[in-house]
Each structure stands twice: as C-alpha cells, then as structure tokens.
Amino acid sequence: MLAKAVEHAKAKHGVDLTHSKTLTRYAQGLIREET
C-alpha cells in the first residue's frame, strides 16, 4: 500500500517520497486497514 502511495505522489504531484522518512511516516499514519 505504501509503495502505491509513493508512486502516486511521484506521478501525480512530482514529489519523491522514497528518501523522506518524515513524509513516509506521516503517510503510514494515514493508511488504515479496512475491516
């Protein structure tokens, strides 16, 4: 799931999250599993 978010950020927003620990942790905090 996180890999998809990183791909989306790069493709749609021009943001490379692969080296950003802070943004990666923030994104992980936003991801919730649906039950």
N, C-alpha and C. Protein backbone atom coordinates (compact mmCIF):
# COMPACT_ATOMS: atom_id res chain seq x y z
N MET A 1 0.83 -1.20 0.00
CA MET A 1 0.00 0.00 0.00
C MET A 1 0.87 1.26 0.00
N LEU A 2 1.89 1.26 0.84
CA LEU A 2 2.75 2.44 0.91
C LEU A 2 3.46 2.67 -0.41
N ALA A 3 3.87 1.60 -1.06
CA ALA A 3 4.54 1.73 -2.36
C ALA A 3 3.63 2.41 -3.37
N LYS A 4 2.35 2.08 -3.33
CA LYS A 4 1.39 2.72 -4.24
C LYS A 4 1.27 4.20 -3.95
N ALA A 5 1.28 4.56 -2.67
CA ALA A 5 1.19 5.97 -2.28
C ALA A 5 2.42 6.73 -2.76
N VAL A 6 3.59 6.13 -2.64
CA VAL A 6 4.82 6.76 -3.10
C VAL A 6 4.78 6.95 -4.62
N GLU A 7 4.33 5.94 -5.33
CA GLU A 7 4.20 6.03 -6.79
C GLU A 7 3.24 7.14 -7.17
N HIS A 8 2.11 7.21 -6.48
CA HIS A 8 1.10 8.23 -6.77
C HIS A 8 1.67 9.63 -6.52
N ALA A 9 2.34 9.80 -5.41
CA ALA A 9 2.90 11.11 -5.07
C ALA A 9 3.89 11.57 -6.14
N LYS A 10 4.70 10.64 -6.62
CA LYS A 10 5.70 10.99 -7.64
C LYS A 10 5.05 11.27 -8.99
N ALA A 11 4.10 10.41 -9.37
CA ALA A 11 3.48 10.54 -10.69
C ALA A 11 2.54 11.74 -10.77
N LYS A 12 1.72 11.93 -9.76
CA LYS A 12 0.69 12.96 -9.82
C LYS A 12 1.10 14.30 -9.24
N HIS A 13 2.03 14.27 -8.28
CA HIS A 13 2.38 15.51 -7.59
C HIS A 13 3.85 15.89 -7.73
N GLY A 14 4.64 15.05 -8.39
CA GLY A 14 6.05 15.35 -8.59
C GLY A 14 6.86 15.32 -7.30
N VAL A 15 6.36 14.57 -6.31
CA VAL A 15 7.03 14.50 -5.01
C VAL A 15 7.65 13.12 -4.85
N ASP A 16 8.96 13.10 -4.57
CA ASP A 16 9.65 11.83 -4.38
C ASP A 16 9.74 11.54 -2.88
N LEU A 17 8.95 10.58 -2.42
CA LEU A 17 8.91 10.25 -1.00
C LEU A 17 9.86 9.12 -0.63
N THR A 18 10.60 8.60 -1.59
CA THR A 18 11.42 7.42 -1.31
C THR A 18 12.53 7.71 -0.31
N HIS A 19 12.97 8.96 -0.20
CA HIS A 19 14.06 9.30 0.72
C HIS A 19 13.60 10.18 1.87
N SER A 20 12.31 10.39 1.99
CA SER A 20 11.79 11.26 3.04
C SER A 20 11.19 10.43 4.16
N LYS A 21 11.92 10.30 5.24
CA LYS A 21 11.45 9.49 6.37
C LYS A 21 10.25 10.15 7.04
N THR A 22 10.27 11.45 7.21
CA THR A 22 9.17 12.14 7.88
C THR A 22 7.88 11.99 7.11
N LEU A 23 7.92 12.25 5.81
CA LEU A 23 6.71 12.14 5.00
C LEU A 23 6.25 10.69 4.90
N THR A 24 7.19 9.77 4.87
CA THR A 24 6.83 8.36 4.81
C THR A 24 6.10 7.94 6.08
N ARG A 25 6.62 8.36 7.23
CA ARG A 25 5.95 8.03 8.49
C ARG A 25 4.57 8.68 8.57
N TYR A 26 4.47 9.90 8.07
CA TYR A 26 3.18 10.59 8.06
C TYR A 26 2.18 9.81 7.19
N ALA A 27 2.63 9.40 6.01
CA ALA A 27 1.76 8.66 5.10
C ALA A 27 1.34 7.33 5.73
N GLN A 28 2.26 6.67 6.40
CA GLN A 28 1.92 5.40 7.05
C GLN A 28 0.86 5.63 8.12
N GLY A 29 0.92 6.75 8.80
CA GLY A 29 -0.06 7.07 9.82
C GLY A 29 -1.45 7.29 9.25
N LEU A 30 -1.50 7.71 7.99
CA LEU A 30 -2.78 7.96 7.35
C LEU A 30 -3.43 6.70 6.81
N ILE A 31 -2.62 5.68 6.57
CA ILE A 31 -3.13 4.44 5.98
C ILE A 31 -3.80 3.61 7.06
N ARG A 32 -5.03 3.27 6.81
CA ARG A 32 -5.79 2.45 7.75
C ARG A 32 -6.31 1.22 7.01
N GLU A 33 -6.23 0.10 7.67
CA GLU A 33 -6.78 -1.11 7.06
C GLU A 33 -8.28 -1.12 7.23
N GLU A 34 -8.98 -1.45 6.17
CA GLU A 34 -10.43 -1.56 6.25
C GLU A 34 -10.81 -2.94 6.76
N THR A 35 -11.79 -2.95 7.63
CA THR A 35 -12.23 -4.25 8.17
C THR A 35 -13.61 -4.57 7.70
